[in-house]
Amino acid sequence: MKATSLLTAFVVASTMALANGPDGPRVVVINQKNSGTFKVIYEGVKTGDVTMTIRSESGKVVFVETTRNVAGFMRPVNFEGMSAGNYSIEIMDASGKQIQNVAYKNETAVTNVHVSKIAEEGKYLLAVANDGIEQINVRIFDGANNLVHNENMTINGNFGLVYNLKSVAGVPTFEVTDKTGNIRTIK
C-alpha cells in the first residue's frame, strides 16, 4: 500500500515538474491521505523570497506566508477546521507564480448518531457509531429550547451513554457536533 502511494506521489511529482518546465520553478501539492493535510513541495531555480497564498473557492485569502532566502522547501499545509471545498495554493517567486488547486473534504470518524428513550422514566440513551478516536460536543436542550447540558468529550470507537433527564421540562433535543463541525440534531 505504501509503495503504491509513493509511486503515485512520484508520478504526480514528475508530471508536475514537467508541466512547470525544466527552466522554471517546480511546485507539487500532494494530498496526505485522511488527514486534512497537503504537502507543498517547491524547488526554485535560484535562492530568493517565496510567497505561498491559499485562497478559497470565492477567492478569499485564507493564508499567506513568505519564506525568505530559500531555494526550495517542503511544507505541510493543514486544512483541518476549514470549510470543505476547493482551494488554490499559489506559489510566487522571482520567476512568477504557479497555482495548484486542491479539494478539501472534511472527514469524520462519526458515522451515525442515535437517541432513544429507554423504559425508565426520563432516561435517554445516546449512541454514537464511530470508527476511531473523535472529539464530540453533546448539547441537550429542554422542550423550550433552553440549554440544560453541554459537554465536550473524546470517544474511541462506538460510544453509548445514558442521560437522566427526569427534571428536564418537555421533550429534550440532543445536538452532537463532531470535530469537523458537522451537527446532528435529534429530538
N, C-alpha and C. Protein backbone atom coordinates (compact mmCIF):
# COMPACT_ATOMS: atom_id res chain seq x y z
N MET A 1 0.83 -1.20 0.00
CA MET A 1 0.00 0.00 0.00
C MET A 1 0.87 1.26 0.00
N LYS A 2 1.92 1.27 0.87
CA LYS A 2 2.79 2.44 0.93
C LYS A 2 3.57 2.59 -0.37
N ALA A 3 3.99 1.47 -0.96
CA ALA A 3 4.74 1.54 -2.21
C ALA A 3 3.88 2.16 -3.30
N THR A 4 2.59 1.82 -3.32
CA THR A 4 1.67 2.40 -4.30
C THR A 4 1.53 3.90 -4.09
N SER A 5 1.42 4.33 -2.82
CA SER A 5 1.30 5.76 -2.51
C SER A 5 2.56 6.51 -2.93
N LEU A 6 3.73 5.92 -2.66
CA LEU A 6 4.97 6.57 -3.03
C LEU A 6 5.11 6.65 -4.54
N LEU A 7 4.71 5.57 -5.24
CA LEU A 7 4.77 5.57 -6.70
C LEU A 7 3.84 6.63 -7.26
N THR A 8 2.62 6.73 -6.70
CA THR A 8 1.67 7.75 -7.14
C THR A 8 2.24 9.15 -6.90
N ALA A 9 2.84 9.37 -5.73
CA ALA A 9 3.42 10.67 -5.43
C ALA A 9 4.54 10.99 -6.41
N PHE A 10 5.38 10.00 -6.74
CA PHE A 10 6.47 10.22 -7.68
C PHE A 10 5.93 10.56 -9.06
N VAL A 11 4.90 9.83 -9.51
CA VAL A 11 4.30 10.11 -10.82
C VAL A 11 3.71 11.51 -10.84
N VAL A 12 2.97 11.87 -9.77
CA VAL A 12 2.40 13.21 -9.70
C VAL A 12 3.50 14.26 -9.70
N ALA A 13 4.55 14.04 -8.89
CA ALA A 13 5.65 14.99 -8.82
C ALA A 13 6.35 15.11 -10.17
N SER A 14 6.59 13.99 -10.83
CA SER A 14 7.25 14.03 -12.13
C SER A 14 6.39 14.75 -13.15
N THR A 15 5.10 14.48 -13.14
CA THR A 15 4.19 15.13 -14.07
C THR A 15 4.17 16.63 -13.83
N MET A 16 4.10 17.03 -12.55
CA MET A 16 4.06 18.44 -12.23
C MET A 16 5.37 19.13 -12.63
N ALA A 17 6.50 18.46 -12.40
CA ALA A 17 7.78 19.05 -12.74
C ALA A 17 7.86 19.29 -14.24
N LEU A 18 7.39 18.33 -15.01
CA LEU A 18 7.40 18.51 -16.46
C LEU A 18 6.43 19.60 -16.88
N ALA A 19 5.28 19.66 -16.22
CA ALA A 19 4.28 20.68 -16.57
C ALA A 19 4.81 22.08 -16.27
N ASN A 20 5.63 22.22 -15.25
CA ASN A 20 6.17 23.53 -14.89
C ASN A 20 7.36 23.92 -15.76
N GLY A 21 7.89 22.98 -16.51
CA GLY A 21 9.01 23.27 -17.40
C GLY A 21 10.34 23.06 -16.73
N PRO A 22 11.36 22.68 -17.51
CA PRO A 22 12.66 22.38 -16.92
C PRO A 22 13.41 23.62 -16.46
N ASP A 23 13.07 24.80 -16.98
CA ASP A 23 13.81 26.02 -16.63
C ASP A 23 13.14 26.85 -15.54
N GLY A 24 11.91 26.52 -15.16
CA GLY A 24 11.19 27.30 -14.16
C GLY A 24 11.14 26.57 -12.83
N PRO A 25 10.57 27.21 -11.83
CA PRO A 25 10.43 26.56 -10.53
C PRO A 25 9.45 25.40 -10.62
N ARG A 26 9.59 24.47 -9.70
CA ARG A 26 8.71 23.30 -9.68
C ARG A 26 7.88 23.35 -8.39
N VAL A 27 6.59 23.12 -8.56
CA VAL A 27 5.68 23.10 -7.41
C VAL A 27 4.83 21.85 -7.51
N VAL A 28 4.75 21.11 -6.40
CA VAL A 28 3.93 19.91 -6.32
C VAL A 28 3.12 19.99 -5.04
N VAL A 29 1.84 19.63 -5.12
CA VAL A 29 0.98 19.56 -3.94
C VAL A 29 0.45 18.13 -3.86
N ILE A 30 0.72 17.47 -2.74
CA ILE A 30 0.33 16.07 -2.55
C ILE A 30 -0.62 15.98 -1.37
N ASN A 31 -1.75 15.30 -1.57
CA ASN A 31 -2.73 15.08 -0.51
C ASN A 31 -2.22 13.98 0.40
N GLN A 32 -2.15 14.26 1.69
CA GLN A 32 -1.77 13.27 2.69
C GLN A 32 -3.05 12.58 3.14
N LYS A 33 -3.24 11.35 2.81
CA LYS A 33 -4.50 10.63 2.98
C LYS A 33 -5.14 10.80 4.35
N ASN A 34 -6.42 11.09 4.34
CA ASN A 34 -7.29 11.11 5.52
C ASN A 34 -6.84 12.01 6.66
N SER A 35 -6.03 13.01 6.38
CA SER A 35 -5.56 13.82 7.49
C SER A 35 -5.94 15.29 7.37
N GLY A 36 -6.44 15.72 6.20
CA GLY A 36 -6.72 17.13 6.01
C GLY A 36 -5.47 17.93 5.76
N THR A 37 -4.35 17.23 5.55
CA THR A 37 -3.08 17.89 5.32
C THR A 37 -2.60 17.65 3.89
N PHE A 38 -2.09 18.71 3.28
CA PHE A 38 -1.48 18.62 1.96
C PHE A 38 -0.01 18.98 2.11
N LYS A 39 0.85 18.31 1.36
CA LYS A 39 2.28 18.61 1.39
C LYS A 39 2.59 19.45 0.16
N VAL A 40 3.16 20.65 0.38
CA VAL A 40 3.56 21.54 -0.71
C VAL A 40 5.07 21.43 -0.85
N ILE A 41 5.51 21.06 -2.07
CA ILE A 41 6.93 20.92 -2.34
C ILE A 41 7.29 21.95 -3.41
N TYR A 42 8.29 22.77 -3.10
CA TYR A 42 8.73 23.84 -4.01
C TYR A 42 10.23 23.70 -4.25
N GLU A 43 10.60 23.75 -5.52
CA GLU A 43 12.01 23.77 -5.88
C GLU A 43 12.22 24.93 -6.84
N GLY A 44 12.96 25.93 -6.41
CA GLY A 44 13.18 27.12 -7.21
C GLY A 44 14.38 27.00 -8.13
N VAL A 45 14.49 27.94 -9.05
CA VAL A 45 15.63 28.00 -9.94
C VAL A 45 16.83 28.61 -9.23
N LYS A 46 16.57 29.59 -8.37
CA LYS A 46 17.64 30.22 -7.60
C LYS A 46 17.09 30.61 -6.22
N THR A 47 17.97 30.96 -5.32
CA THR A 47 17.58 31.34 -3.96
C THR A 47 16.89 32.71 -4.00
N GLY A 48 15.81 32.82 -3.22
CA GLY A 48 15.09 34.09 -3.14
C GLY A 48 13.89 33.97 -2.21
N ASP A 49 13.06 34.99 -2.21
CA ASP A 49 11.85 35.02 -1.39
C ASP A 49 10.73 34.30 -2.13
N VAL A 50 9.95 33.52 -1.38
CA VAL A 50 8.83 32.76 -1.95
C VAL A 50 7.60 33.03 -1.10
N THR A 51 6.51 33.39 -1.75
CA THR A 51 5.26 33.63 -1.04
C THR A 51 4.24 32.56 -1.42
N MET A 52 3.66 31.94 -0.39
CA MET A 52 2.59 30.97 -0.59
C MET A 52 1.29 31.63 -0.14
N THR A 53 0.29 31.65 -1.04
CA THR A 53 -1.02 32.21 -0.73
C THR A 53 -2.07 31.14 -0.98
N ILE A 54 -2.96 30.94 -0.01
CA ILE A 54 -4.04 29.98 -0.18
C ILE A 54 -5.35 30.76 -0.23
N ARG A 55 -6.16 30.47 -1.26
CA ARG A 55 -7.44 31.14 -1.46
C ARG A 55 -8.57 30.12 -1.46
N SER A 56 -9.72 30.56 -0.96
CA SER A 56 -10.91 29.72 -1.00
C SER A 56 -11.51 29.77 -2.41
N GLU A 57 -12.57 28.99 -2.62
CA GLU A 57 -13.25 28.98 -3.92
C GLU A 57 -13.72 30.36 -4.34
N SER A 58 -14.12 31.17 -3.36
CA SER A 58 -14.63 32.51 -3.66
C SER A 58 -13.50 33.51 -3.90
N GLY A 59 -12.25 33.08 -3.74
CA GLY A 59 -11.11 33.96 -3.96
C GLY A 59 -10.61 34.65 -2.70
N LYS A 60 -11.25 34.38 -1.56
CA LYS A 60 -10.83 34.99 -0.30
C LYS A 60 -9.51 34.38 0.16
N VAL A 61 -8.56 35.25 0.54
CA VAL A 61 -7.27 34.79 1.03
C VAL A 61 -7.46 34.25 2.45
N VAL A 62 -7.08 32.97 2.65
CA VAL A 62 -7.23 32.35 3.96
C VAL A 62 -5.88 32.13 4.64
N PHE A 63 -4.78 32.27 3.86
CA PHE A 63 -3.45 32.09 4.44
C PHE A 63 -2.42 32.70 3.51
N VAL A 64 -1.44 33.40 4.09
CA VAL A 64 -0.30 33.94 3.33
C VAL A 64 0.95 33.76 4.17
N GLU A 65 2.02 33.32 3.53
CA GLU A 65 3.29 33.16 4.23
C GLU A 65 4.41 33.43 3.24
N THR A 66 5.37 34.25 3.64
CA THR A 66 6.55 34.49 2.81
C THR A 66 7.76 33.89 3.51
N THR A 67 8.49 33.09 2.76
CA THR A 67 9.71 32.48 3.26
C THR A 67 10.88 33.18 2.57
N ARG A 68 11.80 33.66 3.35
CA ARG A 68 12.90 34.48 2.82
C ARG A 68 14.13 33.63 2.51
N ASN A 69 14.76 33.97 1.40
CA ASN A 69 16.07 33.45 1.04
C ASN A 69 16.14 31.92 1.01
N VAL A 70 15.26 31.30 0.23
CA VAL A 70 15.24 29.84 0.10
C VAL A 70 15.35 29.44 -1.37
N ALA A 71 15.87 28.26 -1.60
CA ALA A 71 15.92 27.70 -2.95
C ALA A 71 14.85 26.63 -3.11
N GLY A 72 14.29 26.18 -1.99
CA GLY A 72 13.25 25.15 -2.03
C GLY A 72 12.76 24.85 -0.63
N PHE A 73 11.61 24.19 -0.57
CA PHE A 73 11.08 23.76 0.72
C PHE A 73 10.05 22.67 0.52
N MET A 74 9.77 21.97 1.60
CA MET A 74 8.68 21.01 1.67
C MET A 74 7.92 21.38 2.93
N ARG A 75 6.61 21.71 2.77
CA ARG A 75 5.85 22.24 3.89
C ARG A 75 4.47 21.61 3.96
N PRO A 76 4.06 21.11 5.14
CA PRO A 76 2.69 20.63 5.26
C PRO A 76 1.73 21.81 5.44
N VAL A 77 0.57 21.70 4.84
CA VAL A 77 -0.48 22.71 4.99
C VAL A 77 -1.71 21.99 5.52
N ASN A 78 -2.15 22.36 6.72
CA ASN A 78 -3.25 21.67 7.39
C ASN A 78 -4.56 22.41 7.15
N PHE A 79 -5.53 21.73 6.53
CA PHE A 79 -6.84 22.32 6.25
C PHE A 79 -7.88 21.94 7.31
N GLU A 80 -7.49 21.16 8.32
CA GLU A 80 -8.45 20.73 9.33
C GLU A 80 -9.09 21.93 10.00
N GLY A 81 -10.39 21.92 10.11
CA GLY A 81 -11.14 23.03 10.68
C GLY A 81 -11.64 24.01 9.63
N MET A 82 -11.15 23.87 8.40
CA MET A 82 -11.61 24.74 7.31
C MET A 82 -12.90 24.16 6.73
N SER A 83 -13.63 24.99 6.01
CA SER A 83 -14.83 24.52 5.33
C SER A 83 -14.43 23.63 4.17
N ALA A 84 -15.22 22.60 3.92
CA ALA A 84 -14.95 21.73 2.78
C ALA A 84 -15.11 22.54 1.50
N GLY A 85 -14.30 22.22 0.50
CA GLY A 85 -14.41 22.92 -0.78
C GLY A 85 -13.11 22.91 -1.53
N ASN A 86 -13.06 23.69 -2.60
CA ASN A 86 -11.88 23.79 -3.45
C ASN A 86 -11.06 25.01 -3.05
N TYR A 87 -9.76 24.84 -3.00
CA TYR A 87 -8.84 25.91 -2.64
C TYR A 87 -7.73 25.97 -3.68
N SER A 88 -7.13 27.14 -3.84
CA SER A 88 -5.97 27.27 -4.70
C SER A 88 -4.76 27.61 -3.84
N ILE A 89 -3.65 26.96 -4.15
CA ILE A 89 -2.39 27.22 -3.48
C ILE A 89 -1.49 27.87 -4.51
N GLU A 90 -1.15 29.12 -4.26
CA GLU A 90 -0.35 29.91 -5.20
C GLU A 90 1.05 30.09 -4.62
N ILE A 91 2.04 29.76 -5.43
CA ILE A 91 3.44 29.95 -5.05
C ILE A 91 4.02 31.02 -5.97
N MET A 92 4.54 32.10 -5.38
CA MET A 92 5.11 33.19 -6.17
C MET A 92 6.57 33.41 -5.76
N ASP A 93 7.43 33.42 -6.78
CA ASP A 93 8.84 33.75 -6.56
C ASP A 93 9.26 34.74 -7.65
N ALA A 94 10.55 35.01 -7.76
CA ALA A 94 11.05 35.99 -8.74
C ALA A 94 10.74 35.58 -10.18
N SER A 95 10.52 34.28 -10.42
CA SER A 95 10.23 33.78 -11.77
C SER A 95 8.77 33.92 -12.16
N GLY A 96 7.90 34.22 -11.20
CA GLY A 96 6.47 34.33 -11.46
C GLY A 96 5.67 33.53 -10.45
N LYS A 97 4.46 33.18 -10.83
CA LYS A 97 3.62 32.43 -9.89
C LYS A 97 3.07 31.18 -10.55
N GLN A 98 2.82 30.19 -9.69
CA GLN A 98 2.23 28.94 -10.12
C GLN A 98 1.10 28.63 -9.16
N ILE A 99 0.02 28.09 -9.72
CA ILE A 99 -1.16 27.81 -8.91
C ILE A 99 -1.52 26.33 -9.03
N GLN A 100 -1.74 25.71 -7.89
CA GLN A 100 -2.23 24.33 -7.84
C GLN A 100 -3.57 24.36 -7.10
N ASN A 101 -4.54 23.62 -7.61
CA ASN A 101 -5.85 23.55 -6.98
C ASN A 101 -5.98 22.26 -6.19
N VAL A 102 -6.62 22.36 -5.02
CA VAL A 102 -6.86 21.19 -4.19
C VAL A 102 -8.32 21.18 -3.75
N ALA A 103 -8.82 19.98 -3.51
CA ALA A 103 -10.18 19.82 -2.99
C ALA A 103 -10.06 19.27 -1.57
N TYR A 104 -10.59 19.99 -0.61
CA TYR A 104 -10.56 19.55 0.78
C TYR A 104 -11.93 19.08 1.19
N LYS A 105 -11.98 17.89 1.79
CA LYS A 105 -13.24 17.32 2.26
C LYS A 105 -13.09 17.03 3.75
N ASN A 106 -14.01 17.58 4.55
CA ASN A 106 -13.99 17.27 5.99
C ASN A 106 -14.24 15.80 6.18
N GLU A 107 -13.43 15.18 6.99
CA GLU A 107 -13.62 13.77 7.26
C GLU A 107 -13.82 13.57 8.75
N THR A 108 -14.76 12.71 9.06
CA THR A 108 -15.06 12.43 10.45
C THR A 108 -15.17 10.93 10.64
N ALA A 109 -14.85 10.47 11.83
CA ALA A 109 -14.97 9.05 12.14
C ALA A 109 -16.39 8.71 12.58
N VAL A 110 -17.19 9.73 12.91
CA VAL A 110 -18.57 9.50 13.35
C VAL A 110 -19.43 9.15 12.14
N THR A 111 -20.04 7.98 12.19
CA THR A 111 -20.86 7.55 11.07
C THR A 111 -22.36 7.65 11.34
N ASN A 112 -22.75 7.61 12.61
CA ASN A 112 -24.18 7.66 12.92
C ASN A 112 -24.37 8.08 14.39
N VAL A 113 -25.45 8.83 14.63
CA VAL A 113 -25.81 9.24 15.98
C VAL A 113 -27.27 8.88 16.18
N HIS A 114 -27.59 8.28 17.33
CA HIS A 114 -28.96 7.85 17.61
C HIS A 114 -29.30 8.14 19.07
N VAL A 115 -30.53 8.60 19.30
CA VAL A 115 -31.03 8.81 20.66
C VAL A 115 -32.33 8.03 20.80
N SER A 116 -32.45 7.32 21.91
CA SER A 116 -33.71 6.61 22.16
C SER A 116 -34.09 6.73 23.62
N LYS A 117 -35.41 6.86 23.84
CA LYS A 117 -35.95 6.93 25.20
C LYS A 117 -35.98 5.50 25.71
N ILE A 118 -35.46 5.30 26.92
CA ILE A 118 -35.48 3.94 27.47
C ILE A 118 -36.61 3.82 28.48
N ALA A 119 -36.88 2.60 28.91
CA ALA A 119 -38.06 2.29 29.73
C ALA A 119 -38.15 3.10 31.02
N GLU A 120 -37.04 3.33 31.67
CA GLU A 120 -37.08 4.06 32.93
C GLU A 120 -37.39 5.54 32.66
N GLU A 121 -38.28 6.10 33.46
CA GLU A 121 -38.76 7.46 33.25
C GLU A 121 -37.63 8.49 33.19
N GLY A 122 -37.65 9.32 32.13
CA GLY A 122 -36.72 10.43 32.00
C GLY A 122 -35.31 10.05 31.55
N LYS A 123 -35.09 8.80 31.16
CA LYS A 123 -33.75 8.39 30.75
C LYS A 123 -33.70 8.19 29.23
N TYR A 124 -32.57 8.66 28.68
CA TYR A 124 -32.36 8.60 27.23
C TYR A 124 -30.98 8.03 26.95
N LEU A 125 -30.89 7.18 25.94
CA LEU A 125 -29.62 6.62 25.52
C LEU A 125 -29.12 7.36 24.28
N LEU A 126 -27.91 7.90 24.38
CA LEU A 126 -27.23 8.49 23.23
C LEU A 126 -26.22 7.47 22.75
N ALA A 127 -26.31 7.06 21.46
CA ALA A 127 -25.38 6.09 20.88
C ALA A 127 -24.71 6.75 19.67
N VAL A 128 -23.38 6.63 19.61
CA VAL A 128 -22.62 7.20 18.50
C VAL A 128 -21.80 6.07 17.87
N ALA A 129 -22.05 5.83 16.58
CA ALA A 129 -21.24 4.87 15.83
C ALA A 129 -20.00 5.61 15.34
N ASN A 130 -18.83 5.05 15.67
CA ASN A 130 -17.59 5.78 15.44
C ASN A 130 -16.49 4.79 15.05
N ASP A 131 -15.67 5.16 14.06
CA ASP A 131 -14.62 4.27 13.55
C ASP A 131 -13.23 4.60 14.07
N GLY A 132 -13.11 5.43 15.07
CA GLY A 132 -11.78 5.78 15.57
C GLY A 132 -11.89 6.73 16.74
N ILE A 133 -10.86 7.50 16.95
CA ILE A 133 -10.87 8.50 18.02
C ILE A 133 -11.48 9.78 17.46
N GLU A 134 -12.43 10.34 18.16
CA GLU A 134 -13.14 11.52 17.69
C GLU A 134 -13.47 12.42 18.88
N GLN A 135 -13.39 13.70 18.66
CA GLN A 135 -13.82 14.67 19.67
C GLN A 135 -15.23 15.09 19.31
N ILE A 136 -16.13 15.02 20.29
CA ILE A 136 -17.51 15.44 20.06
C ILE A 136 -17.95 16.40 21.16
N ASN A 137 -18.99 17.14 20.85
CA ASN A 137 -19.64 18.00 21.82
C ASN A 137 -21.10 17.58 21.88
N VAL A 138 -21.61 17.34 23.08
CA VAL A 138 -23.02 16.96 23.27
C VAL A 138 -23.71 18.10 24.00
N ARG A 139 -24.73 18.64 23.36
CA ARG A 139 -25.57 19.66 23.99
C ARG A 139 -26.99 19.13 24.04
N ILE A 140 -27.63 19.36 25.18
CA ILE A 140 -29.02 18.91 25.37
C ILE A 140 -29.85 20.13 25.72
N PHE A 141 -30.98 20.27 25.03
CA PHE A 141 -31.91 21.39 25.24
C PHE A 141 -33.22 20.83 25.77
N ASP A 142 -33.90 21.63 26.64
CA ASP A 142 -35.22 21.21 27.13
C ASP A 142 -36.28 21.51 26.08
N GLY A 143 -37.53 21.26 26.41
CA GLY A 143 -38.64 21.46 25.47
C GLY A 143 -38.81 22.91 25.04
N ALA A 144 -38.32 23.89 25.83
CA ALA A 144 -38.42 25.31 25.48
C ALA A 144 -37.12 25.79 24.81
N ASN A 145 -36.27 24.84 24.41
CA ASN A 145 -35.01 25.12 23.72
C ASN A 145 -33.98 25.84 24.60
N ASN A 146 -34.04 25.61 25.91
CA ASN A 146 -33.02 26.13 26.84
C ASN A 146 -31.92 25.08 26.99
N LEU A 147 -30.68 25.51 26.96
CA LEU A 147 -29.55 24.60 27.11
C LEU A 147 -29.50 24.08 28.55
N VAL A 148 -29.54 22.76 28.72
CA VAL A 148 -29.50 22.17 30.06
C VAL A 148 -28.23 21.33 30.28
N HIS A 149 -27.51 21.01 29.20
CA HIS A 149 -26.29 20.22 29.33
C HIS A 149 -25.37 20.53 28.15
N ASN A 150 -24.06 20.69 28.45
CA ASN A 150 -23.07 20.96 27.41
C ASN A 150 -21.78 20.25 27.83
N GLU A 151 -21.31 19.32 27.00
CA GLU A 151 -20.15 18.52 27.38
C GLU A 151 -19.29 18.20 26.17
N ASN A 152 -17.98 18.44 26.27
CA ASN A 152 -17.01 18.02 25.27
C ASN A 152 -16.40 16.71 25.73
N MET A 153 -16.20 15.78 24.81
CA MET A 153 -15.58 14.51 25.17
C MET A 153 -14.85 13.91 23.99
N THR A 154 -13.89 13.08 24.29
CA THR A 154 -13.17 12.33 23.28
C THR A 154 -13.64 10.88 23.38
N ILE A 155 -14.08 10.34 22.25
CA ILE A 155 -14.57 8.96 22.25
C ILE A 155 -13.65 8.13 21.35
N ASN A 156 -13.55 6.85 21.67
CA ASN A 156 -12.72 5.93 20.90
C ASN A 156 -13.58 4.73 20.54
N GLY A 157 -13.98 4.63 19.29
CA GLY A 157 -14.85 3.54 18.85
C GLY A 157 -16.30 3.90 19.14
N ASN A 158 -17.16 2.89 19.05
CA ASN A 158 -18.58 3.11 19.31
C ASN A 158 -18.77 3.55 20.75
N PHE A 159 -19.79 4.37 20.97
CA PHE A 159 -19.96 5.03 22.26
C PHE A 159 -21.43 5.07 22.62
N GLY A 160 -21.74 4.86 23.88
CA GLY A 160 -23.11 4.98 24.37
C GLY A 160 -23.11 5.54 25.78
N LEU A 161 -24.11 6.36 26.07
CA LEU A 161 -24.22 6.96 27.40
C LEU A 161 -25.69 7.21 27.69
N VAL A 162 -26.10 6.88 28.91
CA VAL A 162 -27.48 7.11 29.34
C VAL A 162 -27.53 8.42 30.13
N TYR A 163 -28.44 9.30 29.74
CA TYR A 163 -28.64 10.58 30.41
C TYR A 163 -29.94 10.53 31.20
N ASN A 164 -29.88 11.00 32.45
CA ASN A 164 -31.07 11.10 33.29
C ASN A 164 -31.62 12.51 33.14
N LEU A 165 -32.71 12.65 32.39
CA LEU A 165 -33.31 13.96 32.12
C LEU A 165 -34.69 14.09 32.76
N LYS A 166 -34.87 13.41 33.91
CA LYS A 166 -36.15 13.40 34.61
C LYS A 166 -36.60 14.81 34.98
N SER A 167 -35.65 15.69 35.32
CA SER A 167 -36.01 17.04 35.74
C SER A 167 -36.11 18.04 34.58
N VAL A 168 -35.90 17.58 33.36
CA VAL A 168 -35.97 18.46 32.19
C VAL A 168 -37.41 18.55 31.71
N ALA A 169 -37.89 19.79 31.51
CA ALA A 169 -39.27 20.00 31.07
C ALA A 169 -39.38 19.80 29.56
N GLY A 170 -40.44 19.12 29.14
CA GLY A 170 -40.70 18.92 27.71
C GLY A 170 -39.83 17.83 27.11
N VAL A 171 -39.92 17.72 25.79
CA VAL A 171 -39.15 16.72 25.07
C VAL A 171 -37.75 17.27 24.78
N PRO A 172 -36.70 16.58 25.26
CA PRO A 172 -35.35 17.09 25.07
C PRO A 172 -34.88 16.96 23.61
N THR A 173 -33.97 17.85 23.24
CA THR A 173 -33.33 17.80 21.92
C THR A 173 -31.84 17.62 22.15
N PHE A 174 -31.26 16.65 21.46
CA PHE A 174 -29.83 16.38 21.55
C PHE A 174 -29.15 16.98 20.30
N GLU A 175 -28.03 17.62 20.54
CA GLU A 175 -27.24 18.17 19.44
C GLU A 175 -25.81 17.67 19.61
N VAL A 176 -25.34 16.87 18.64
CA VAL A 176 -24.00 16.30 18.70
C VAL A 176 -23.18 16.89 17.56
N THR A 177 -22.04 17.50 17.91
CA THR A 177 -21.15 18.12 16.93
C THR A 177 -19.83 17.38 16.94
N ASP A 178 -19.33 17.01 15.74
CA ASP A 178 -18.03 16.36 15.67
C ASP A 178 -16.94 17.39 15.39
N LYS A 179 -15.69 16.95 15.30
CA LYS A 179 -14.56 17.87 15.16
C LYS A 179 -14.56 18.63 13.84
N THR A 180 -15.30 18.13 12.83
CA THR A 180 -15.35 18.83 11.55
C THR A 180 -16.45 19.86 11.51
N GLY A 181 -17.23 19.95 12.58
CA GLY A 181 -18.32 20.94 12.63
C GLY A 181 -19.66 20.40 12.17
N ASN A 182 -19.71 19.10 11.79
CA ASN A 182 -20.99 18.51 11.42
C ASN A 182 -21.87 18.41 12.67
N ILE A 183 -23.10 18.88 12.54
CA ILE A 183 -24.03 18.88 13.67
C ILE A 183 -25.18 17.94 13.35
N ARG A 184 -25.47 17.08 14.30
CA ARG A 184 -26.62 16.19 14.19
C ARG A 184 -27.58 16.53 15.32
N THR A 185 -28.80 16.86 14.96
CA THR A 185 -29.80 17.24 15.94
C THR A 185 -30.86 16.16 15.98
N ILE A 186 -31.13 15.64 17.18
CA ILE A 186 -32.11 14.56 17.36
C ILE A 186 -33.09 15.00 18.42
N LYS A 187 -34.38 14.91 18.07
CA LYS A 187 -35.44 15.30 19.01
C LYS A 187 -36.21 14.08 19.43
